[in-house]
Amino acid sequence: MKMTRLLLCLPLLLALPALHAASAVATFAGGCFWCSESDFEKLKGVQTVVSGYIGGRTVSPTYEEVSAGASGHTEAVQISYDPAVISYGQLLTWFWQHHDPFDGGGQFCDRGSQYRPAIFTHDAAQAAAAKASRDRLAARMKRAVATEIAPAGPFYAAEDYHQDYYRKNDLRYRYYRLSCGRDARIKA
């Protein structure tokens, strides 16, 4: 009886990878991950956005370690998206428009390497696209871009209370975002 159930479920299990074939992954660091998460979740074709840490030395860092600058990580978001709906190039364009690419020392009111801007690429095509978009921006603005481009290493999801922070703590989030000057700077 158990073998029969397993055989009946086998076609479903074999189909699981096909269900996820329409997903790709992108990882961006644009300062406070609460703000990056809320910005990217607005885009059609974005399936999930997870706040977390990347680019450091410590395995499974905590928020306290990252925010103190002790782990070498930066706050980032990892995005699962449907490339048939939104392209990696469109995500790059959105990213460039939602952080300060000329400030490598942090973003807006958040200072330190834990808030440094970066694009963490998952393959050669992403690396080439990221570098080309950076070069176009630098040429258009006639200044050096500080946003780092590096291969993605381990990504550690932030603690649960950081996920969807802007939804769970609407008033506090809006006050933080306003007082940090993020939207005013992006608009400028």
Protein backbone atom coordinates (compact mmCIF):
# COMPACT_ATOMS: atom_id res chain seq x y z
CA MET A 1 0.00 0.00 0.00
CA LYS A 2 2.81 2.47 0.90
CA MET A 3 4.65 1.69 -2.34
CA THR A 4 1.45 2.35 -4.33
CA ARG A 5 1.09 5.79 -2.72
CA LEU A 6 4.71 6.57 -3.46
CA LEU A 7 4.29 5.55 -7.11
CA LEU A 8 1.16 7.71 -7.36
CA CYS A 9 3.06 10.70 -5.94
CA LEU A 10 6.16 10.16 -8.09
CA PRO A 11 4.85 12.13 -11.11
CA LEU A 12 4.06 15.06 -8.80
CA LEU A 13 7.51 14.92 -7.21
CA LEU A 14 9.18 14.79 -10.62
CA ALA A 15 7.17 17.82 -11.74
CA LEU A 16 8.34 20.02 -8.83
CA PRO A 17 11.50 21.33 -10.53
CA ALA A 18 9.40 22.33 -13.53
CA LEU A 19 7.19 24.44 -11.25
CA HIS A 20 10.26 26.46 -10.26
CA ALA A 21 11.79 26.63 -13.75
CA ALA A 22 10.21 30.07 -14.21
CA SER A 23 12.22 31.47 -11.29
CA ALA A 24 15.56 33.21 -11.32
CA VAL A 25 17.48 34.80 -8.44
CA ALA A 26 19.01 38.26 -8.07
CA THR A 27 20.76 39.73 -5.03
CA PHE A 28 21.13 43.46 -4.35
CA ALA A 29 22.42 45.52 -1.43
CA GLY A 30 21.09 49.07 -1.39
CA GLY A 31 21.36 50.11 2.24
CA CYS A 32 18.63 49.22 4.71
CA PHE A 33 17.10 45.92 3.63
CA TRP A 34 13.66 46.96 4.90
CA CYS A 35 13.58 49.68 2.25
CA SER A 36 15.03 47.52 -0.52
CA GLU A 37 12.53 44.77 0.25
CA SER A 38 9.54 47.11 0.03
CA ASP A 39 10.87 48.72 -3.18
CA PHE A 40 11.38 45.42 -5.03
CA GLU A 41 8.14 43.80 -3.84
CA LYS A 42 6.21 46.43 -5.85
CA LEU A 43 7.43 45.04 -9.17
CA LYS A 44 5.28 42.75 -11.29
CA GLY A 45 7.11 39.46 -11.82
CA VAL A 46 8.90 39.54 -8.48
CA GLN A 47 7.83 36.43 -6.61
CA THR A 48 9.61 36.76 -3.26
CA VAL A 49 12.02 39.17 -1.61
CA VAL A 50 14.02 38.01 1.41
CA SER A 51 16.01 40.38 3.60
CA GLY A 52 19.38 39.05 4.68
CA TYR A 53 23.15 39.30 4.83
CA ILE A 54 25.84 38.60 2.22
CA GLY A 55 29.47 39.36 1.46
CA GLY A 56 31.05 38.73 4.85
CA ARG A 57 33.28 36.33 6.75
CA THR A 58 31.02 34.99 9.50
CA VAL A 59 28.86 31.91 9.00
CA SER A 60 25.20 32.54 9.93
CA PRO A 61 25.68 36.10 11.19
CA THR A 62 23.17 37.74 13.48
CA TYR A 63 21.70 41.20 13.02
CA GLU A 64 23.73 42.42 15.99
CA GLU A 65 27.00 41.20 14.39
CA VAL A 66 26.16 42.69 11.00
CA SER A 67 24.88 46.03 12.30
CA ALA A 68 28.02 46.42 14.45
CA GLY A 69 30.14 45.87 11.34
CA ALA A 70 31.78 42.84 12.97
CA SER A 71 30.94 40.21 10.33
CA GLY A 72 31.86 41.98 7.09
CA HIS A 73 28.38 41.39 5.64
CA THR A 74 26.12 43.95 4.06
CA GLU A 75 22.35 44.09 4.38
CA ALA A 76 20.84 42.84 1.12
CA VAL A 77 17.76 41.38 -0.47
CA GLN A 78 17.55 38.16 -2.43
CA ILE A 79 14.85 38.25 -5.07
CA SER A 80 13.12 35.35 -6.81
CA TYR A 81 11.53 36.54 -10.03
CA ASP A 82 9.91 35.27 -13.19
CA PRO A 83 12.19 36.23 -16.12
CA ALA A 84 9.24 35.86 -18.51
CA VAL A 85 7.59 38.80 -16.72
CA ILE A 86 10.53 40.93 -15.59
CA SER A 87 14.10 40.74 -16.83
CA TYR A 88 17.33 40.96 -14.87
CA GLY A 89 18.03 44.16 -16.81
CA GLN A 90 14.78 45.68 -15.54
CA LEU A 91 15.71 44.71 -11.97
CA LEU A 92 19.09 46.40 -12.47
CA THR A 93 17.42 49.59 -13.71
CA TRP A 94 15.12 49.61 -10.68
CA PHE A 95 18.06 48.99 -8.35
CA TRP A 96 20.09 51.90 -9.80
CA GLN A 97 17.07 54.18 -9.30
CA HIS A 98 16.51 53.15 -5.66
CA HIS A 99 19.91 53.68 -4.05
CA ASP A 100 22.78 56.16 -4.24
CA PRO A 101 25.34 54.47 -6.53
CA PHE A 102 27.98 57.11 -5.78
CA ASP A 103 28.14 56.53 -2.02
CA GLY A 104 30.19 53.46 -1.09
CA GLY A 105 30.25 54.31 2.62
CA GLY A 106 26.64 53.41 3.30
CA GLN A 107 23.28 54.60 2.11
CA PHE A 108 21.34 57.68 3.16
CA CYS A 109 21.38 57.90 6.98
CA ASP A 110 22.80 54.39 7.42
CA ARG A 111 26.59 54.54 7.47
CA GLY A 112 29.22 51.82 7.42
CA SER A 113 30.22 48.85 5.29
CA GLN A 114 27.16 46.90 6.47
CA TYR A 115 25.09 49.32 4.35
CA ARG A 116 27.41 49.47 1.33
CA PRO A 117 25.71 49.13 -2.05
CA ALA A 118 26.46 46.04 -4.10
CA ILE A 119 25.20 43.75 -6.81
CA PHE A 120 25.93 40.10 -6.08
CA THR A 121 25.80 38.12 -9.32
CA HIS A 122 24.77 34.48 -9.67
CA ASP A 123 26.28 33.73 -13.08
CA ALA A 124 28.40 35.18 -15.89
CA ALA A 125 25.39 36.67 -17.69
CA GLN A 126 24.34 38.60 -14.57
CA ALA A 127 27.92 39.79 -14.03
CA ALA A 128 28.17 41.06 -17.61
CA ALA A 129 24.77 42.78 -17.42
CA ALA A 130 25.59 44.39 -14.07
CA LYS A 131 28.97 45.70 -15.29
CA ALA A 132 27.47 47.03 -18.53
CA SER A 133 24.69 48.83 -16.66
CA ARG A 134 27.21 50.28 -14.20
CA ASP A 135 29.40 51.51 -17.05
CA ARG A 136 26.42 53.13 -18.81
CA LEU A 137 25.45 54.91 -15.59
CA ALA A 138 29.01 56.13 -14.97
CA ALA A 139 29.29 57.44 -18.54
CA ARG A 140 25.90 59.17 -18.38
CA MET A 141 26.63 60.79 -14.99
CA LYS A 142 30.32 61.38 -15.77
CA ARG A 143 31.46 60.06 -12.39
CA ALA A 144 32.70 56.86 -10.81
CA VAL A 145 30.10 54.43 -9.45
CA ALA A 146 30.86 53.13 -5.96
CA THR A 147 28.38 50.23 -6.07
CA GLU A 148 30.39 47.01 -5.87
CA ILE A 149 29.77 44.10 -8.25
CA ALA A 150 30.86 40.70 -6.92
CA PRO A 151 29.98 37.02 -7.28
CA ALA A 152 27.26 35.97 -4.85
CA GLY A 153 28.47 33.94 -1.91
CA PRO A 154 26.37 32.52 0.89
CA PHE A 155 23.22 34.52 1.62
CA TYR A 156 21.82 34.32 5.13
CA ALA A 157 18.18 35.24 5.65
CA ALA A 158 17.73 37.86 8.36
CA GLU A 159 15.75 37.12 11.46
CA ASP A 160 11.97 36.76 11.06
CA TYR A 161 11.20 40.15 12.58
CA HIS A 162 13.08 41.82 9.70
CA GLN A 163 11.07 40.06 6.97
CA ASP A 164 8.26 42.26 5.63
CA TYR A 165 9.14 44.83 8.29
CA TYR A 166 7.40 47.59 6.34
CA ARG A 167 4.12 45.66 6.49
CA LYS A 168 4.39 44.56 10.12
CA ASN A 169 5.48 47.98 11.42
CA ASP A 170 3.93 50.40 8.96
CA LEU A 171 4.10 53.61 11.01
CA ARG A 172 7.60 52.97 12.35
CA TYR A 173 8.85 52.02 8.90
CA ARG A 174 7.40 55.13 7.24
CA TYR A 175 8.94 57.36 9.94
CA TYR A 176 12.33 55.68 9.50
CA ARG A 177 12.22 56.01 5.72
CA LEU A 178 11.18 59.68 5.87
CA SER A 179 13.66 60.68 8.57
CA CYS A 180 16.48 58.87 6.78
CA GLY A 181 15.86 61.00 3.69
CA ARG A 182 15.85 58.03 1.34
CA ASP A 183 12.93 59.07 -0.88
CA ALA A 184 14.00 62.71 -1.06
CA ARG A 185 17.51 61.70 -2.13
CA ILE A 186 16.23 59.18 -4.71
CA LYS A 187 13.91 61.80 -6.14
CA ALA A 188 16.77 64.31 -6.40
